[in-house]
C-alpha cells in the first residue's frame, strides 16, 4: 500500500487554498486598492518628505534603468533574431 502524501490530513478533505495573497507582487511601501492612480504612486516614490521632487533619486534611478537595459539588451536581441 502506498504512503499518503499528507498523512496528518483527514481523508476526503480538499487541500486548503494557497496562503499567498492574490493580485501578484507589489514592492514594499506601495499600497494597493482603487484609491489612487498609478501615476501619483510613481511620482510619490520620487518625492522628498516635504513633497518636492528628488532629482538625485530620479537621476540615479534612470542610470540604474539604463545600466540594466545595457545588460539585458544583448540577450533580447539574440532571441529576436532567431
PDB file of N, CA and C in Angstrom:
ATOM      1  N   UNK A   1       0.841  -1.180   0.000  1.00  0.00           N
ATOM      2  CA  UNK A   1       0.000   0.000   0.000  1.00  0.00           C
ATOM      3  C   UNK A   1       0.891   1.249   0.000  1.00  0.00           C
ATOM      4  N   UNK A   2       0.642   2.238  -0.912  1.00  0.00           N
ATOM      5  CA  UNK A   2       1.496   3.429  -0.975  1.00  0.00           C
ATOM      6  C   UNK A   2       1.259   4.356   0.211  1.00  0.00           C
ATOM      7  N   UNK A   3       2.289   5.093   0.533  1.00  0.00           N
ATOM      8  CA  UNK A   3       2.191   6.065   1.618  1.00  0.00           C
ATOM      9  C   UNK A   3       1.393   7.275   1.149  1.00  0.00           C
ATOM     10  N   UNK A   4       0.489   7.807   1.974  1.00  0.00           N
ATOM     11  CA  UNK A   4      -0.241   9.018   1.584  1.00  0.00           C
ATOM     12  C   UNK A   4       0.695  10.235   1.598  1.00  0.00           C
ATOM     13  N   UNK A   5       0.422  11.191   0.721  1.00  0.00           N
ATOM     14  CA  UNK A   5       1.247  12.388   0.646  1.00  0.00           C
ATOM     15  C   UNK A   5       1.103  13.266   1.880  1.00  0.00           C
ATOM     16  N   UNK A   6      -0.099  13.313   2.440  1.00  0.00           N
ATOM     17  CA  UNK A   6      -0.366  14.144   3.613  1.00  0.00           C
ATOM     18  C   UNK A   6      -0.974  13.262   4.692  1.00  0.00           C
ATOM     19  N   UNK A   7      -0.135  12.585   5.470  1.00  0.00           N
ATOM     20  CA  UNK A   7      -0.677  11.620   6.430  1.00  0.00           C
ATOM     21  C   UNK A   7      -1.475  12.251   7.562  1.00  0.00           C
ATOM     22  N   UNK A   8      -1.245  13.517   7.894  1.00  0.00           N
ATOM     23  CA  UNK A   8      -1.954  14.146   9.005  1.00  0.00           C
ATOM     24  C   UNK A   8      -3.288  14.747   8.612  1.00  0.00           C
ATOM     25  N   UNK A   9      -3.564  14.855   7.317  1.00  0.00           N
ATOM     26  CA  UNK A   9      -4.823  15.441   6.869  1.00  0.00           C
ATOM     27  C   UNK A   9      -5.921  14.380   6.914  1.00  0.00           C
ATOM     28  N   UNK A  10      -7.111  14.742   7.427  1.00  0.00           N
ATOM     29  CA  UNK A  10      -8.211  13.780   7.437  1.00  0.00           C
ATOM     30  C   UNK A  10      -8.568  13.363   6.002  1.00  0.00           C
ATOM     31  N   UNK A  11      -9.000  12.130   5.810  1.00  0.00           N
ATOM     32  CA  UNK A  11      -9.329  11.665   4.456  1.00  0.00           C
ATOM     33  C   UNK A  11     -10.518  12.432   3.861  1.00  0.00           C
ATOM     34  N   UNK A  12     -10.545  12.520   2.528  1.00  0.00           N
ATOM     35  CA  UNK A  12     -11.621  13.147   1.753  1.00  0.00           C
ATOM     36  C   UNK A  12     -11.797  14.627   2.048  1.00  0.00           C
ATOM     37  N   UNK A  13     -10.766  15.291   2.511  1.00  0.00           N
ATOM     38  CA  UNK A  13     -10.836  16.725   2.748  1.00  0.00           C
ATOM     39  C   UNK A  13      -9.949  17.403   1.707  1.00  0.00           C
ATOM     40  N   UNK A  14     -10.517  18.374   0.965  1.00  0.00           N
ATOM     41  CA  UNK A  14      -9.701  19.031  -0.057  1.00  0.00           C
ATOM     42  C   UNK A  14      -8.596  19.859   0.584  1.00  0.00           C
ATOM     43  N   UNK A  15      -7.491  20.041  -0.131  1.00  0.00           N
ATOM     44  CA  UNK A  15      -6.418  20.867   0.426  1.00  0.00           C
ATOM     45  C   UNK A  15      -6.846  22.321   0.549  1.00  0.00           C
ATOM     46  N   UNK A  16      -6.247  23.007   1.512  1.00  0.00           N
ATOM     47  CA  UNK A  16      -6.570  24.419   1.714  1.00  0.00           C
ATOM     48  C   UNK A  16      -6.019  25.261   0.567  1.00  0.00           C
ATOM     49  N   UNK A  17      -6.681  26.395   0.253  1.00  0.00           N
ATOM     50  CA  UNK A  17      -6.136  27.266  -0.795  1.00  0.00           C
ATOM     51  C   UNK A  17      -4.805  27.864  -0.369  1.00  0.00           C
ATOM     52  N   UNK A  18      -4.064  28.311  -1.335  1.00  0.00           N
ATOM     53  CA  UNK A  18      -2.742  28.880  -1.092  1.00  0.00           C
ATOM     54  C   UNK A  18      -2.837  30.076  -0.159  1.00  0.00           C
ATOM     55  N   UNK A  19      -1.831  30.228   0.677  1.00  0.00           N
ATOM     56  CA  UNK A  19      -1.788  31.344   1.609  1.00  0.00           C
ATOM     57  C   UNK A  19      -1.215  32.603   0.960  1.00  0.00           C
ATOM     58  N   UNK A  20      -0.764  32.487  -0.296  1.00  0.00           N
ATOM     59  CA  UNK A  20      -0.194  33.639  -0.993  1.00  0.00           C
ATOM     60  C   UNK A  20      -1.278  34.645  -1.317  1.00  0.00           C
ATOM     61  N   UNK A  21      -1.037  35.938  -1.070  1.00  0.00           N
ATOM     62  CA  UNK A  21      -2.059  36.943  -1.377  1.00  0.00           C
ATOM     63  C   UNK A  21      -2.304  37.033  -2.879  1.00  0.00           C
ATOM     64  N   UNK A  22      -3.534  37.271  -3.229  1.00  0.00           N
ATOM     65  CA  UNK A  22      -3.904  37.398  -4.630  1.00  0.00           C
ATOM     66  C   UNK A  22      -3.505  38.766  -5.159  1.00  0.00           C
ATOM     67  N   UNK A  23      -3.298  38.873  -6.460  1.00  0.00           N
ATOM     68  CA  UNK A  23      -3.026  40.162  -7.070  1.00  0.00           C
ATOM     69  C   UNK A  23      -1.584  40.354  -7.488  1.00  0.00           C
ATOM     70  N   UNK A  24      -0.725  39.371  -7.263  1.00  0.00           N
ATOM     71  CA  UNK A  24       0.639  39.487  -7.742  1.00  0.00           C
ATOM     72  C   UNK A  24       1.555  40.200  -6.772  1.00  0.00           C
ATOM     73  N   UNK A  25       2.717  40.542  -7.278  1.00  0.00           N
ATOM     74  CA  UNK A  25       3.766  41.136  -6.466  1.00  0.00           C
ATOM     75  C   UNK A  25       3.611  42.649  -6.389  1.00  0.00           C
ATOM     76  N   UNK A  26       3.815  43.190  -5.211  1.00  0.00           N
ATOM     77  CA  UNK A  26       3.850  44.645  -5.020  1.00  0.00           C
ATOM     78  C   UNK A  26       5.109  44.979  -4.254  1.00  0.00           C
ATOM     79  N   UNK A  27       5.840  45.976  -4.698  1.00  0.00           N
ATOM     80  CA  UNK A  27       7.027  46.367  -3.932  1.00  0.00           C
ATOM     81  C   UNK A  27       6.630  46.880  -2.554  1.00  0.00           C
ATOM     82  N   UNK A  28       7.513  46.772  -1.576  1.00  0.00           N
ATOM     83  CA  UNK A  28       7.192  47.268  -0.241  1.00  0.00           C
ATOM     84  C   UNK A  28       6.876  48.755  -0.271  1.00  0.00           C
ATOM     85  N   UNK A  29       5.874  49.147   0.483  1.00  0.00           N
ATOM     86  CA  UNK A  29       5.520  50.551   0.583  1.00  0.00           C
ATOM     87  C   UNK A  29       4.497  51.012  -0.442  1.00  0.00           C
ATOM     88  N   UNK A  30       4.169  50.168  -1.414  1.00  0.00           N
ATOM     89  CA  UNK A  30       3.185  50.558  -2.429  1.00  0.00           C
ATOM     90  C   UNK A  30       1.839  50.018  -1.995  1.00  0.00           C
ATOM     91  N   UNK A  31       0.882  50.891  -1.807  1.00  0.00           N
ATOM     92  CA  UNK A  31      -0.437  50.495  -1.350  1.00  0.00           C
ATOM     93  C   UNK A  31      -1.281  50.036  -2.522  1.00  0.00           C
ATOM     94  N   UNK A  32      -2.090  49.020  -2.303  1.00  0.00           N
ATOM     95  CA  UNK A  32      -2.983  48.530  -3.337  1.00  0.00           C
ATOM     96  C   UNK A  32      -4.349  49.175  -3.214  1.00  0.00           C
ATOM     97  N   UNK A  33      -5.263  48.722  -4.041  1.00  0.00           N
ATOM     98  CA  UNK A  33      -6.619  49.236  -3.985  1.00  0.00           C
ATOM     99  C   UNK A  33      -6.912  50.187  -5.110  1.00  0.00           C
ATOM    100  N   UNK A  34      -8.142  50.676  -5.132  1.00  0.00           N
ATOM    101  CA  UNK A  34      -8.566  51.535  -6.235  1.00  0.00           C
ATOM    102  C   UNK A  34      -8.568  53.007  -5.841  1.00  0.00           C
ATOM    103  N   UNK A  35      -7.931  53.355  -4.735  1.00  0.00           N
ATOM    104  CA  UNK A  35      -7.975  54.726  -4.257  1.00  0.00           C
ATOM    105  C   UNK A  35      -7.126  55.706  -5.028  1.00  0.00           C
ATOM    106  N   UNK A  36      -5.998  55.287  -5.597  1.00  0.00           N
ATOM    107  CA  UNK A  36      -5.116  56.232  -6.257  1.00  0.00           C
ATOM    108  C   UNK A  36      -4.736  55.765  -7.641  1.00  0.00           C
ATOM    109  N   UNK A  37      -4.171  56.672  -8.392  1.00  0.00           N
ATOM    110  CA  UNK A  37      -3.751  56.315  -9.732  1.00  0.00           C
ATOM    111  C   UNK A  37      -2.311  55.845  -9.706  1.00  0.00           C
ATOM    112  N   UNK A  38      -1.923  55.141 -10.747  1.00  0.00           N
ATOM    113  CA  UNK A  38      -0.561  54.642 -10.854  1.00  0.00           C
ATOM    114  C   UNK A  38       0.419  55.795 -10.997  1.00  0.00           C
ATOM    115  N   UNK A  39       0.016  56.836 -11.718  1.00  0.00           N
ATOM    116  CA  UNK A  39       0.910  57.981 -11.929  1.00  0.00           C
ATOM    117  C   UNK A  39       1.244  58.663 -10.601  1.00  0.00           C
ATOM    118  N   UNK A  40       0.264  58.865  -9.735  1.00  0.00           N
ATOM    119  CA  UNK A  40       0.537  59.520  -8.460  1.00  0.00           C
ATOM    120  C   UNK A  40       1.392  58.637  -7.559  1.00  0.00           C
ATOM    121  N   UNK A  41       1.202  57.301  -7.613  1.00  0.00           N
ATOM    122  CA  UNK A  41       2.035  56.405  -6.828  1.00  0.00           C
ATOM    123  C   UNK A  41       3.470  56.444  -7.320  1.00  0.00           C
ATOM    124  N   UNK A  42       3.664  56.491  -8.623  1.00  0.00           N
ATOM    125  CA  UNK A  42       5.002  56.537  -9.187  1.00  0.00           C
ATOM    126  C   UNK A  42       5.696  57.841  -8.820  1.00  0.00           C
ATOM    127  N   UNK A  43       4.987  58.927  -8.933  1.00  0.00           N
ATOM    128  CA  UNK A  43       5.586  60.225  -8.601  1.00  0.00           C
ATOM    129  C   UNK A  43       5.920  60.333  -7.119  1.00  0.00           C
ATOM    130  N   UNK A  44       5.107  59.717  -6.269  1.00  0.00           N
ATOM    131  CA  UNK A  44       5.373  59.804  -4.826  1.00  0.00           C
ATOM    132  C   UNK A  44       6.667  59.092  -4.444  1.00  0.00           C
ATOM    133  N   UNK A  45       7.112  58.144  -5.269  1.00  0.00           N
ATOM    134  CA  UNK A  45       8.369  57.460  -4.985  1.00  0.00           C
ATOM    135  C   UNK A  45       9.570  58.373  -5.199  1.00  0.00           C
ATOM    136  N   UNK A  46       9.394  59.438  -5.957  1.00  0.00           N
ATOM    137  CA  UNK A  46      10.494  60.349  -6.270  1.00  0.00           C
ATOM    138  C   UNK A  46      10.336  61.691  -5.575  1.00  0.00           C
ATOM    139  N   UNK A  47       9.578  61.726  -4.488  1.00  0.00           N
ATOM    140  CA  UNK A  47       9.389  62.963  -3.742  1.00  0.00           C
ATOM    141  C   UNK A  47      10.095  62.885  -2.399  1.00  0.00           C
ATOM    142  N   UNK A  48      10.520  64.052  -1.923  1.00  0.00           N
ATOM    143  CA  UNK A  48      11.109  64.131  -0.593  1.00  0.00           C
ATOM    144  C   UNK A  48       9.992  64.120   0.443  1.00  0.00           C
ATOM    145  N   UNK A  49      10.372  64.139   1.700  1.00  0.00           N
ATOM    146  CA  UNK A  49       9.375  64.170   2.776  1.00  0.00           C
ATOM    147  C   UNK A  49       8.533  65.448   2.732  1.00  0.00           C
ATOM    148  N   UNK A  50       9.120  66.500   2.178  1.00  0.00           N
ATOM    149  CA  UNK A  50       8.391  67.772   2.078  1.00  0.00           C
ATOM    150  C   UNK A  50       7.468  67.818   0.860  1.00  0.00           C
ATOM    151  N   UNK A  51       7.571  66.839  -0.041  1.00  0.00           N
ATOM    152  CA  UNK A  51       6.715  66.799  -1.224  1.00  0.00           C
ATOM    153  C   UNK A  51       7.376  67.321  -2.483  1.00  0.00           C
ATOM    154  N   UNK A  52       8.642  67.746  -2.392  1.00  0.00           N
ATOM    155  CA  UNK A  52       9.363  68.214  -3.572  1.00  0.00           C
ATOM    156  C   UNK A  52       9.966  67.041  -4.326  1.00  0.00           C
ATOM    157  N   UNK A  53      10.205  67.227  -5.632  1.00  0.00           N
ATOM    158  CA  UNK A  53      10.828  66.172  -6.415  1.00  0.00           C
ATOM    159  C   UNK A  53      12.291  66.028  -6.024  1.00  0.00           C
ATOM    160  N   UNK A  54      12.728  64.792  -5.868  1.00  0.00           N
ATOM    161  CA  UNK A  54      14.108  64.474  -5.512  1.00  0.00           C
ATOM    162  C   UNK A  54      14.856  64.121  -6.799  1.00  0.00           C
ATOM    163  N   UNK A  55      15.521  65.114  -7.391  1.00  0.00           N
ATOM    164  CA  UNK A  55      16.171  64.926  -8.688  1.00  0.00           C
ATOM    165  C   UNK A  55      17.356  63.972  -8.600  1.00  0.00           C
ATOM    166  N   UNK A  56      18.004  63.890  -7.453  1.00  0.00           N
ATOM    167  CA  UNK A  56      19.093  62.922  -7.298  1.00  0.00           C
ATOM    168  C   UNK A  56      18.560  61.496  -7.393  1.00  0.00           C
ATOM    169  N   UNK A  57      17.414  61.252  -6.783  1.00  0.00           N
ATOM    170  CA  UNK A  57      16.811  59.926  -6.830  1.00  0.00           C
ATOM    171  C   UNK A  57      16.335  59.611  -8.254  1.00  0.00           C
ATOM    172  N   UNK A  58      15.764  60.596  -8.933  1.00  0.00           N
ATOM    173  CA  UNK A  58      15.317  60.407 -10.315  1.00  0.00           C
ATOM    174  C   UNK A  58      16.509  60.072 -11.208  1.00  0.00           C
ATOM    175  N   UNK A  59      17.601  60.806 -11.043  1.00  0.00           N
ATOM    176  CA  UNK A  59      18.791  60.583 -11.856  1.00  0.00           C
ATOM    177  C   UNK A  59      19.404  59.218 -11.590  1.00  0.00           C
ATOM    178  N   UNK A  60      19.525  58.834 -10.328  1.00  0.00           N
ATOM    179  CA  UNK A  60      20.133  57.539 -10.008  1.00  0.00           C
ATOM    180  C   UNK A  60      19.245  56.390 -10.493  1.00  0.00           C
ATOM    181  N   UNK A  61      17.937  56.547 -10.412  1.00  0.00           N
ATOM    182  CA  UNK A  61      17.035  55.508 -10.906  1.00  0.00           C
ATOM    183  C   UNK A  61      17.141  55.395 -12.423  1.00  0.00           C
ATOM    184  N   UNK A  62      17.220  56.523 -13.114  1.00  0.00           N
ATOM    185  CA  UNK A  62      17.391  56.497 -14.567  1.00  0.00           C
ATOM    186  C   UNK A  62      18.680  55.817 -14.971  1.00  0.00           C
ATOM    187  N   UNK A  63      19.754  56.075 -14.217  1.00  0.00           N
ATOM    188  CA  UNK A  63      21.035  55.431 -14.500  1.00  0.00           C
ATOM    189  C   UNK A  63      20.936  53.922 -14.290  1.00  0.00           C
ATOM    190  N   UNK A  64      20.250  53.497 -13.238  1.00  0.00           N
ATOM    191  CA  UNK A  64      20.083  52.067 -12.994  1.00  0.00           C
ATOM    192  C   UNK A  64      19.295  51.403 -14.112  1.00  0.00           C
ATOM    193  N   UNK A  65      18.264  52.092 -14.606  1.00  0.00           N
ATOM    194  CA  UNK A  65      17.460  51.543 -15.703  1.00  0.00           C
ATOM    195  C   UNK A  65      18.308  51.406 -16.954  1.00  0.00           C
ATOM    196  N   UNK A  66      19.121  52.410 -17.260  1.00  0.00           N
ATOM    197  CA  UNK A  66      19.973  52.345 -18.449  1.00  0.00           C
ATOM    198  C   UNK A  66      21.040  51.258 -18.311  1.00  0.00           C
ATOM    199  N   UNK A  67      21.607  51.098 -17.121  1.00  0.00           N
ATOM    200  CA  UNK A  67      22.582  50.029 -16.893  1.00  0.00           C
ATOM    201  C   UNK A  67      21.943  48.660 -17.078  1.00  0.00           C
ATOM    202  N   UNK A  68      20.737  48.504 -16.551  1.00  0.00           N
ATOM    203  CA  UNK A  68      20.017  47.247 -16.707  1.00  0.00           C
ATOM    204  C   UNK A  68      19.707  46.975 -18.173  1.00  0.00           C
ATOM    205  N   UNK A  69      19.266  47.996 -18.887  1.00  0.00           N
ATOM    206  CA  UNK A  69      18.983  47.855 -20.311  1.00  0.00           C
ATOM    207  C   UNK A  69      20.240  47.439 -21.072  1.00  0.00           C
ATOM    208  N   UNK A  70      21.378  48.032 -20.726  1.00  0.00           N
ATOM    209  CA  UNK A  70      22.630  47.679 -21.381  1.00  0.00           C
ATOM    210  C   UNK A  70      23.021  46.229 -21.144  1.00  0.00           C
ATOM    211  N   UNK A  71      22.657  45.677 -19.997  1.00  0.00           N
ATOM    212  CA  UNK A  71      22.970  44.280 -19.696  1.00  0.00           C
ATOM    213  C   UNK A  71      21.999  43.316 -20.349  1.00  0.00           C
ATOM    214  N   UNK A  72      20.731  43.686 -20.422  1.00  0.00           N
ATOM    215  CA  UNK A  72      19.688  42.775 -20.912  1.00  0.00           C
ATOM    216  C   UNK A  72      19.508  42.869 -22.428  1.00  0.00           C
ATOM    217  N   UNK A  73      19.809  44.005 -23.013  1.00  0.00           N
ATOM    218  CA  UNK A  73      19.585  44.239 -24.434  1.00  0.00           C
ATOM    219  C   UNK A  73      20.245  43.186 -25.328  1.00  0.00           C
ATOM    220  N   UNK A  74      21.508  42.809 -25.125  1.00  0.00           N
ATOM    221  CA  UNK A  74      22.099  41.780 -25.992  1.00  0.00           C
ATOM    222  C   UNK A  74      21.367  40.443 -25.916  1.00  0.00           C
ATOM    223  N   UNK A  75      20.867  40.101 -24.744  1.00  0.00           N
ATOM    224  CA  UNK A  75      20.125  38.844 -24.611  1.00  0.00           C
ATOM    225  C   UNK A  75      18.813  38.889 -25.386  1.00  0.00           C
ATOM    226  N   UNK A  76      18.142  40.020 -25.320  1.00  0.00           N
ATOM    227  CA  UNK A  76      16.863  40.161 -26.016  1.00  0.00           C
ATOM    228  C   UNK A  76      17.077  40.115 -27.519  1.00  0.00           C
ATOM    229  N   UNK A  77      18.120  40.782 -28.013  1.00  0.00           N
ATOM    230  CA  UNK A  77      18.355  40.785 -29.463  1.00  0.00           C
ATOM    231  C   UNK A  77      18.705  39.395 -29.967  1.00  0.00           C
ATOM    232  N   UNK A  78      19.352  38.564 -29.155  1.00  0.00           N
ATOM    233  CA  UNK A  78      19.638  37.180 -29.563  1.00  0.00           C
ATOM    234  C   UNK A  78      18.342  36.408 -29.786  1.00  0.00           C
ATOM    235  N   UNK A  79      17.352  36.598 -28.922  1.00  0.00           N
ATOM    236  CA  UNK A  79      16.097  35.872 -29.058  1.00  0.00           C
ATOM    237  C   UNK A  79      15.255  36.429 -30.201  1.00  0.00           C
ATOM    238  N   UNK A  80      15.333  37.718 -30.463  1.00  0.00           N
ATOM    239  CA  UNK A  80      14.545  38.322 -31.542  1.00  0.00           C
ATOM    240  C   UNK A  80      15.087  37.888 -32.894  1.00  0.00           C
ATOM    241  N   UNK A  81      16.391  37.751 -33.038  1.00  0.00           N
ATOM    242  CA  UNK A  81      16.993  37.368 -34.317  1.00  0.00           C
ATOM    243  C   UNK A  81      16.702  35.936 -34.698  1.00  0.00           C
ATOM    244  N   UNK A  82      16.336  35.099 -33.764  1.00  0.00           N
ATOM    245  CA  UNK A  82      16.074  33.677 -34.071  1.00  0.00           C
ATOM    246  C   UNK A  82      14.821  33.478 -34.841  1.00  0.00           C
TER     247      UNK A  82
END
